[in-house]
Amino acid sequence: MARKKATLDFEKSLADLQQLVERLESGELSLEDSLACFEQGIGLTRDCQAALDQAEQKVKVLLQQGDELREQPFDADPQA
């Protein structure tokens, strides 16, 4: 259950970040609102990066064999 919640949190943060980017790119926000959106976006970016770093560590642990860590390239779409 915790894994699903972490995935949902990451997905929500990423979606929120995309909405902020769209609002900023629209050019319709005041300077004050733009700065507030930018600040919120920085926080979301840090949250997403932390989640990705944690996922990378989990992958490394799963690939660990004995005392030796074996890193392999990750191919998100093996049919591409």
PDB file of N, CA and C in Angstrom:
ATOM      1  N   MET A   1       0.819  -1.194   0.000  1.00  0.00           N
ATOM      2  CA  MET A   1       0.000   0.000   0.000  1.00  0.00           C
ATOM      3  C   MET A   1       0.864   1.260   0.000  1.00  0.00           C
ATOM      4  N   ALA A   2       1.971   1.236   0.765  1.00  0.00           N
ATOM      5  CA  ALA A   2       2.850   2.408   0.836  1.00  0.00           C
ATOM      6  C   ALA A   2       3.457   2.701  -0.532  1.00  0.00           C
ATOM      7  N   ARG A   3       3.783   1.647  -1.284  1.00  0.00           N
ATOM      8  CA  ARG A   3       4.368   1.834  -2.609  1.00  0.00           C
ATOM      9  C   ARG A   3       3.379   2.534  -3.536  1.00  0.00           C
ATOM     10  N   LYS A   4       2.112   2.148  -3.466  1.00  0.00           N
ATOM     11  CA  LYS A   4       1.090   2.755  -4.306  1.00  0.00           C
ATOM     12  C   LYS A   4       0.892   4.224  -3.927  1.00  0.00           C
ATOM     13  N   LYS A   5       0.907   4.526  -2.624  1.00  0.00           N
ATOM     14  CA  LYS A   5       0.758   5.903  -2.159  1.00  0.00           C
ATOM     15  C   LYS A   5       1.924   6.764  -2.646  1.00  0.00           C
ATOM     16  N   ALA A   6       3.141   6.232  -2.568  1.00  0.00           N
ATOM     17  CA  ALA A   6       4.311   6.977  -3.028  1.00  0.00           C
ATOM     18  C   ALA A   6       4.211   7.259  -4.522  1.00  0.00           C
ATOM     19  N   THR A   7       3.725   6.273  -5.286  1.00  0.00           N
ATOM     20  CA  THR A   7       3.557   6.461  -6.723  1.00  0.00           C
ATOM     21  C   THR A   7       2.503   7.518  -6.996  1.00  0.00           C
ATOM     22  N   LEU A   8       1.399   7.471  -6.258  1.00  0.00           N
ATOM     23  CA  LEU A   8       0.341   8.453  -6.448  1.00  0.00           C
ATOM     24  C   LEU A   8       0.829   9.853  -6.072  1.00  0.00           C
ATOM     25  N   ASP A   9       1.598   9.959  -4.985  1.00  0.00           N
ATOM     26  CA  ASP A   9       2.143  11.250  -4.580  1.00  0.00           C
ATOM     27  C   ASP A   9       3.067  11.804  -5.661  1.00  0.00           C
ATOM     28  N   PHE A  10       3.902  10.954  -6.225  1.00  0.00           N
ATOM     29  CA  PHE A  10       4.807  11.381  -7.285  1.00  0.00           C
ATOM     30  C   PHE A  10       4.009  11.835  -8.502  1.00  0.00           C
ATOM     31  N   GLU A  11       3.037  11.044  -8.895  1.00  0.00           N
ATOM     32  CA  GLU A  11       2.221  11.377 -10.062  1.00  0.00           C
ATOM     33  C   GLU A  11       1.459  12.680  -9.845  1.00  0.00           C
ATOM     34  N   LYS A  12       0.923  12.878  -8.647  1.00  0.00           N
ATOM     35  CA  LYS A  12       0.196  14.104  -8.347  1.00  0.00           C
ATOM     36  C   LYS A  12       1.142  15.307  -8.365  1.00  0.00           C
ATOM     37  N   SER A  13       2.307  15.156  -7.767  1.00  0.00           N
ATOM     38  CA  SER A  13       3.294  16.247  -7.763  1.00  0.00           C
ATOM     39  C   SER A  13       3.701  16.601  -9.184  1.00  0.00           C
ATOM     40  N   LEU A  14       3.900  15.584 -10.011  1.00  0.00           N
ATOM     41  CA  LEU A  14       4.295  15.826 -11.397  1.00  0.00           C
ATOM     42  C   LEU A  14       3.176  16.530 -12.169  1.00  0.00           C
ATOM     43  N   ALA A  15       1.934  16.111 -11.942  1.00  0.00           N
ATOM     44  CA  ALA A  15       0.793  16.751 -12.607  1.00  0.00           C
ATOM     45  C   ALA A  15       0.640  18.194 -12.133  1.00  0.00           C
ATOM     46  N   ASP A  16       0.808  18.415 -10.830  1.00  0.00           N
ATOM     47  CA  ASP A  16       0.726  19.776 -10.294  1.00  0.00           C
ATOM     48  C   ASP A  16       1.826  20.658 -10.882  1.00  0.00           C
ATOM     49  N   LEU A  17       3.002  20.091 -11.017  1.00  0.00           N
ATOM     50  CA  LEU A  17       4.120  20.841 -11.596  1.00  0.00           C
ATOM     51  C   LEU A  17       3.824  21.216 -13.047  1.00  0.00           C
ATOM     52  N   GLN A  18       3.251  20.296 -13.801  1.00  0.00           N
ATOM     53  CA  GLN A  18       2.903  20.573 -15.191  1.00  0.00           C
ATOM     54  C   GLN A  18       1.872  21.705 -15.280  1.00  0.00           C
ATOM     55  N   GLN A  19       0.898  21.698 -14.386  1.00  0.00           N
ATOM     56  CA  GLN A  19      -0.106  22.763 -14.382  1.00  0.00           C
ATOM     57  C   GLN A  19       0.528  24.111 -14.061  1.00  0.00           C
ATOM     58  N   LEU A  20       1.471  24.108 -13.115  1.00  0.00           N
ATOM     59  CA  LEU A  20       2.166  25.357 -12.780  1.00  0.00           C
ATOM     60  C   LEU A  20       2.948  25.888 -13.975  1.00  0.00           C
ATOM     61  N   VAL A  21       3.616  25.001 -14.680  1.00  0.00           N
ATOM     62  CA  VAL A  21       4.388  25.404 -15.856  1.00  0.00           C
ATOM     63  C   VAL A  21       3.459  26.009 -16.904  1.00  0.00           C
ATOM     64  N   GLU A  22       2.328  25.375 -17.121  1.00  0.00           N
ATOM     65  CA  GLU A  22       1.367  25.892 -18.102  1.00  0.00           C
ATOM     66  C   GLU A  22       0.863  27.277 -17.703  1.00  0.00           C
ATOM     67  N   ARG A  23       0.587  27.458 -16.405  1.00  0.00           N
ATOM     68  CA  ARG A  23       0.128  28.776 -15.935  1.00  0.00           C
ATOM     69  C   ARG A  23       1.218  29.830 -16.123  1.00  0.00           C
ATOM     70  N   LEU A  24       2.455  29.457 -15.809  1.00  0.00           N
ATOM     71  CA  LEU A  24       3.558  30.404 -15.967  1.00  0.00           C
ATOM     72  C   LEU A  24       3.791  30.747 -17.444  1.00  0.00           C
ATOM     73  N   GLU A  25       3.693  29.741 -18.298  1.00  0.00           N
ATOM     74  CA  GLU A  25       3.922  29.965 -19.728  1.00  0.00           C
ATOM     75  C   GLU A  25       2.806  30.761 -20.385  1.00  0.00           C
ATOM     76  N   SER A  26       1.639  30.791 -19.757  1.00  0.00           N
ATOM     77  CA  SER A  26       0.517  31.523 -20.346  1.00  0.00           C
ATOM     78  C   SER A  26       0.782  33.026 -20.384  1.00  0.00           C
ATOM     79  N   GLY A  27       1.602  33.499 -19.457  1.00  0.00           N
ATOM     80  CA  GLY A  27       1.923  34.917 -19.413  1.00  0.00           C
ATOM     81  C   GLY A  27       0.815  35.785 -18.834  1.00  0.00           C
ATOM     82  N   GLU A  28      -0.197  35.183 -18.258  1.00  0.00           N
ATOM     83  CA  GLU A  28      -1.333  35.928 -17.746  1.00  0.00           C
ATOM     84  C   GLU A  28      -1.260  36.201 -16.246  1.00  0.00           C
ATOM     85  N   LEU A  29      -0.218  35.717 -15.580  1.00  0.00           N
ATOM     86  CA  LEU A  29      -0.088  35.900 -14.140  1.00  0.00           C
ATOM     87  C   LEU A  29       0.638  37.202 -13.826  1.00  0.00           C
ATOM     88  N   SER A  30       0.286  37.780 -12.691  1.00  0.00           N
ATOM     89  CA  SER A  30       1.029  38.953 -12.225  1.00  0.00           C
ATOM     90  C   SER A  30       2.413  38.494 -11.771  1.00  0.00           C
ATOM     91  N   LEU A  31       3.290  39.439 -11.553  1.00  0.00           N
ATOM     92  CA  LEU A  31       4.632  39.109 -11.091  1.00  0.00           C
ATOM     93  C   LEU A  31       4.560  38.377  -9.755  1.00  0.00           C
ATOM     94  N   GLU A  32       3.723  38.863  -8.856  1.00  0.00           N
ATOM     95  CA  GLU A  32       3.587  38.238  -7.540  1.00  0.00           C
ATOM     96  C   GLU A  32       3.077  36.799  -7.660  1.00  0.00           C
ATOM     97  N   ASP A  33       2.065  36.590  -8.497  1.00  0.00           N
ATOM     98  CA  ASP A  33       1.528  35.238  -8.695  1.00  0.00           C
ATOM     99  C   ASP A  33       2.555  34.339  -9.386  1.00  0.00           C
ATOM    100  N   SER A  34       3.307  34.904 -10.320  1.00  0.00           N
ATOM    101  CA  SER A  34       4.343  34.134 -11.003  1.00  0.00           C
ATOM    102  C   SER A  34       5.412  33.667 -10.021  1.00  0.00           C
ATOM    103  N   LEU A  35       5.818  34.563  -9.127  1.00  0.00           N
ATOM    104  CA  LEU A  35       6.821  34.187  -8.130  1.00  0.00           C
ATOM    105  C   LEU A  35       6.286  33.115  -7.176  1.00  0.00           C
ATOM    106  N   ALA A  36       5.027  33.226  -6.795  1.00  0.00           N
ATOM    107  CA  ALA A  36       4.423  32.223  -5.920  1.00  0.00           C
ATOM    108  C   ALA A  36       4.366  30.862  -6.619  1.00  0.00           C
ATOM    109  N   CYS A  37       3.991  30.858  -7.888  1.00  0.00           N
ATOM    110  CA  CYS A  37       3.950  29.618  -8.664  1.00  0.00           C
ATOM    111  C   CYS A  37       5.349  29.034  -8.826  1.00  0.00           C
ATOM    112  N   PHE A  38       6.315  29.905  -9.075  1.00  0.00           N
ATOM    113  CA  PHE A  38       7.690  29.454  -9.232  1.00  0.00           C
ATOM    114  C   PHE A  38       8.186  28.808  -7.939  1.00  0.00           C
ATOM    115  N   GLU A  39       7.896  29.447  -6.807  1.00  0.00           N
ATOM    116  CA  GLU A  39       8.316  28.909  -5.515  1.00  0.00           C
ATOM    117  C   GLU A  39       7.665  27.543  -5.265  1.00  0.00           C
ATOM    118  N   GLN A  40       6.388  27.435  -5.566  1.00  0.00           N
ATOM    119  CA  GLN A  40       5.687  26.167  -5.400  1.00  0.00           C
ATOM    120  C   GLN A  40       6.285  25.111  -6.338  1.00  0.00           C
ATOM    121  N   GLY A  41       6.618  25.522  -7.548  1.00  0.00           N
ATOM    122  CA  GLY A  41       7.212  24.607  -8.518  1.00  0.00           C
ATOM    123  C   GLY A  41       8.568  24.078  -8.071  1.00  0.00           C
ATOM    124  N   ILE A  42       9.358  24.936  -7.438  1.00  0.00           N
ATOM    125  CA  ILE A  42      10.653  24.496  -6.922  1.00  0.00           C
ATOM    126  C   ILE A  42      10.448  23.414  -5.866  1.00  0.00           C
ATOM    127  N   GLY A  43       9.477  23.606  -4.986  1.00  0.00           N
ATOM    128  CA  GLY A  43       9.182  22.596  -3.973  1.00  0.00           C
ATOM    129  C   GLY A  43       8.734  21.282  -4.585  1.00  0.00           C
ATOM    130  N   LEU A  44       7.862  21.359  -5.585  1.00  0.00           N
ATOM    131  CA  LEU A  44       7.391  20.145  -6.257  1.00  0.00           C
ATOM    132  C   LEU A  44       8.530  19.442  -6.988  1.00  0.00           C
ATOM    133  N   THR A  45       9.411  20.226  -7.597  1.00  0.00           N
ATOM    134  CA  THR A  45      10.559  19.653  -8.302  1.00  0.00           C
ATOM    135  C   THR A  45      11.453  18.894  -7.325  1.00  0.00           C
ATOM    136  N   ARG A  46      11.685  19.480  -6.163  1.00  0.00           N
ATOM    137  CA  ARG A  46      12.506  18.808  -5.147  1.00  0.00           C
ATOM    138  C   ARG A  46      11.835  17.524  -4.663  1.00  0.00           C
ATOM    139  N   ASP A  47      10.526  17.569  -4.475  1.00  0.00           N
ATOM    140  CA  ASP A  47       9.795  16.366  -4.050  1.00  0.00           C
ATOM    141  C   ASP A  47       9.914  15.261  -5.103  1.00  0.00           C
ATOM    142  N   CYS A  48       9.732  15.628  -6.365  1.00  0.00           N
ATOM    143  CA  CYS A  48       9.811  14.647  -7.449  1.00  0.00           C
ATOM    144  C   CYS A  48      11.224  14.072  -7.552  1.00  0.00           C
ATOM    145  N   GLN A  49      12.233  14.929  -7.431  1.00  0.00           N
ATOM    146  CA  GLN A  49      13.617  14.465  -7.518  1.00  0.00           C
ATOM    147  C   GLN A  49      13.935  13.519  -6.368  1.00  0.00           C
ATOM    148  N   ALA A  50      13.445  13.824  -5.181  1.00  0.00           N
ATOM    149  CA  ALA A  50      13.670  12.943  -4.033  1.00  0.00           C
ATOM    150  C   ALA A  50      13.020  11.583  -4.268  1.00  0.00           C
ATOM    151  N   ALA A  51      11.810  11.576  -4.827  1.00  0.00           N
ATOM    152  CA  ALA A  51      11.123  10.313  -5.115  1.00  0.00           C
ATOM    153  C   ALA A  51      11.888   9.515  -6.165  1.00  0.00           C
ATOM    154  N   LEU A  52      12.420  10.195  -7.179  1.00  0.00           N
ATOM    155  CA  LEU A  52      13.200   9.503  -8.206  1.00  0.00           C
ATOM    156  C   LEU A  52      14.506   8.955  -7.639  1.00  0.00           C
ATOM    157  N   ASP A  53      15.160   9.723  -6.775  1.00  0.00           N
ATOM    158  CA  ASP A  53      16.392   9.251  -6.133  1.00  0.00           C
ATOM    159  C   ASP A  53      16.119   8.015  -5.280  1.00  0.00           C
ATOM    160  N   GLN A  54      15.001   8.036  -4.563  1.00  0.00           N
ATOM    161  CA  GLN A  54      14.630   6.896  -3.732  1.00  0.00           C
ATOM    162  C   GLN A  54      14.352   5.666  -4.601  1.00  0.00           C
ATOM    163  N   ALA A  55      13.669   5.863  -5.699  1.00  0.00           N
ATOM    164  CA  ALA A  55      13.387   4.748  -6.611  1.00  0.00           C
ATOM    165  C   ALA A  55      14.679   4.185  -7.184  1.00  0.00           C
ATOM    166  N   GLU A  56      15.618   5.066  -7.524  1.00  0.00           N
ATOM    167  CA  GLU A  56      16.906   4.610  -8.055  1.00  0.00           C
ATOM    168  C   GLU A  56      17.650   3.762  -7.019  1.00  0.00           C
ATOM    169  N   GLN A  57      17.606   4.182  -5.758  1.00  0.00           N
ATOM    170  CA  GLN A  57      18.259   3.414  -4.700  1.00  0.00           C
ATOM    171  C   GLN A  57      17.607   2.037  -4.547  1.00  0.00           C
ATOM    172  N   LYS A  58      16.295   1.978  -4.655  1.00  0.00           N
ATOM    173  CA  LYS A  58      15.604   0.692  -4.553  1.00  0.00           C
ATOM    174  C   LYS A  58      16.011  -0.233  -5.689  1.00  0.00           C
ATOM    175  N   VAL A  59      16.148   0.327  -6.890  1.00  0.00           N
ATOM    176  CA  VAL A  59      16.568  -0.481  -8.040  1.00  0.00           C
ATOM    177  C   VAL A  59      17.971  -1.012  -7.814  1.00  0.00           C
ATOM    178  N   LYS A  60      18.860  -0.172  -7.294  1.00  0.00           N
ATOM    179  CA  LYS A  60      20.228  -0.618  -7.027  1.00  0.00           C
ATOM    180  C   LYS A  60      20.252  -1.747  -6.008  1.00  0.00           C
ATOM    181  N   VAL A  61      19.426  -1.635  -4.977  1.00  0.00           N
ATOM    182  CA  VAL A  61      19.361  -2.685  -3.968  1.00  0.00           C
ATOM    183  C   VAL A  61      18.851  -3.978  -4.587  1.00  0.00           C
ATOM    184  N   LEU A  62      17.856  -3.881  -5.439  1.00  0.00           N
ATOM    185  CA  LEU A  62      17.304  -5.070  -6.077  1.00  0.00           C
ATOM    186  C   LEU A  62      18.300  -5.741  -7.011  1.00  0.00           C
ATOM    187  N   LEU A  63      19.194  -4.964  -7.595  1.00  0.00           N
ATOM    188  CA  LEU A  63      20.191  -5.523  -8.509  1.00  0.00           C
ATOM    189  C   LEU A  63      21.433  -6.034  -7.788  1.00  0.00           C
ATOM    190  N   GLN A  64      21.532  -5.739  -6.499  1.00  0.00           N
ATOM    191  CA  GLN A  64      22.709  -6.132  -5.735  1.00  0.00           C
ATOM    192  C   GLN A  64      22.765  -7.651  -5.624  1.00  0.00           C
ATOM    193  N   GLN A  65      23.935  -8.190  -5.902  1.00  0.00           N
ATOM    194  CA  GLN A  65      24.134  -9.630  -5.790  1.00  0.00           C
ATOM    195  C   GLN A  65      25.330  -9.861  -4.883  1.00  0.00           C
ATOM    196  N   GLY A  66      25.076 -10.472  -3.748  1.00  0.00           N
ATOM    197  CA  GLY A  66      26.159 -10.703  -2.791  1.00  0.00           C
ATOM    198  C   GLY A  66      26.674  -9.379  -2.279  1.00  0.00           C
ATOM    199  N   ASP A  67      27.986  -9.206  -2.296  1.00  0.00           N
ATOM    200  CA  ASP A  67      28.612  -7.973  -1.843  1.00  0.00           C
ATOM    201  C   ASP A  67      28.885  -7.020  -2.996  1.00  0.00           C
ATOM    202  N   GLU A  68      28.569  -7.434  -4.183  1.00  0.00           N
ATOM    203  CA  GLU A  68      28.893  -6.642  -5.370  1.00  0.00           C
ATOM    204  C   GLU A  68      27.631  -6.039  -5.977  1.00  0.00           C
ATOM    205  N   LEU A  69      27.678  -4.754  -6.224  1.00  0.00           N
ATOM    206  CA  LEU A  69      26.556  -4.073  -6.849  1.00  0.00           C
ATOM    207  C   LEU A  69      26.755  -4.111  -8.357  1.00  0.00           C
ATOM    208  N   ARG A  70      25.731  -4.553  -9.040  1.00  0.00           N
ATOM    209  CA  ARG A  70      25.808  -4.658 -10.491  1.00  0.00           C
ATOM    210  C   ARG A  70      24.791  -3.690 -11.085  1.00  0.00           C
ATOM    211  N   GLU A  71      25.286  -2.577 -11.654  1.00  0.00           N
ATOM    212  CA  GLU A  71      24.390  -1.605 -12.268  1.00  0.00           C
ATOM    213  C   GLU A  71      24.185  -1.978 -13.729  1.00  0.00           C
ATOM    214  N   GLN A  72      22.954  -1.793 -14.179  1.00  0.00           N
ATOM    215  CA  GLN A  72      22.615  -2.072 -15.567  1.00  0.00           C
ATOM    216  C   GLN A  72      21.853  -0.882 -16.116  1.00  0.00           C
ATOM    217  N   PRO A  73      22.001  -0.591 -17.392  1.00  0.00           N
ATOM    218  CA  PRO A  73      21.222   0.520 -17.976  1.00  0.00           C
ATOM    219  C   PRO A  73      19.743   0.184 -17.925  1.00  0.00           C
ATOM    220  N   PHE A  74      18.952   1.219 -17.705  1.00  0.00           N
ATOM    221  CA  PHE A  74      17.502   1.066 -17.623  1.00  0.00           C
ATOM    222  C   PHE A  74      16.878   1.484 -18.935  1.00  0.00           C
ATOM    223  N   ASP A  75      16.106   0.598 -19.519  1.00  0.00           N
ATOM    224  CA  ASP A  75      15.400   0.875 -20.753  1.00  0.00           C
ATOM    225  C   ASP A  75      13.913   0.871 -20.443  1.00  0.00           C
ATOM    226  N   ALA A  76      13.319   2.079 -20.354  1.00  0.00           N
ATOM    227  CA  ALA A  76      11.916   2.203 -19.971  1.00  0.00           C
ATOM    228  C   ALA A  76      10.990   1.566 -20.992  1.00  0.00           C
ATOM    229  N   ASP A  77      11.367   1.582 -22.255  1.00  0.00           N
ATOM    230  CA  ASP A  77      10.521   1.019 -23.298  1.00  0.00           C
ATOM    231  C   ASP A  77      11.370   0.062 -24.128  1.00  0.00           C
ATOM    232  N   PRO A  78      11.441  -1.198 -23.737  1.00  0.00           N
ATOM    233  CA  PRO A  78      12.322  -2.134 -24.433  1.00  0.00           C
ATOM    234  C   PRO A  78      11.919  -2.393 -25.881  1.00  0.00           C
ATOM    235  N   GLN A  79      10.699  -2.029 -26.283  1.00  0.00           N
ATOM    236  CA  GLN A  79      10.274  -2.267 -27.651  1.00  0.00           C
ATOM    237  C   GLN A  79      10.528  -1.060 -28.561  1.00  0.00           C
ATOM    238  N   ALA A  80      11.070   0.006 -28.007  1.00  0.00           N
ATOM    239  CA  ALA A  80      11.327   1.211 -28.798  1.00  0.00           C
ATOM    240  C   ALA A  80      12.604   1.077 -29.589  1.00  0.00           C
TER     241      ALA A  80
END
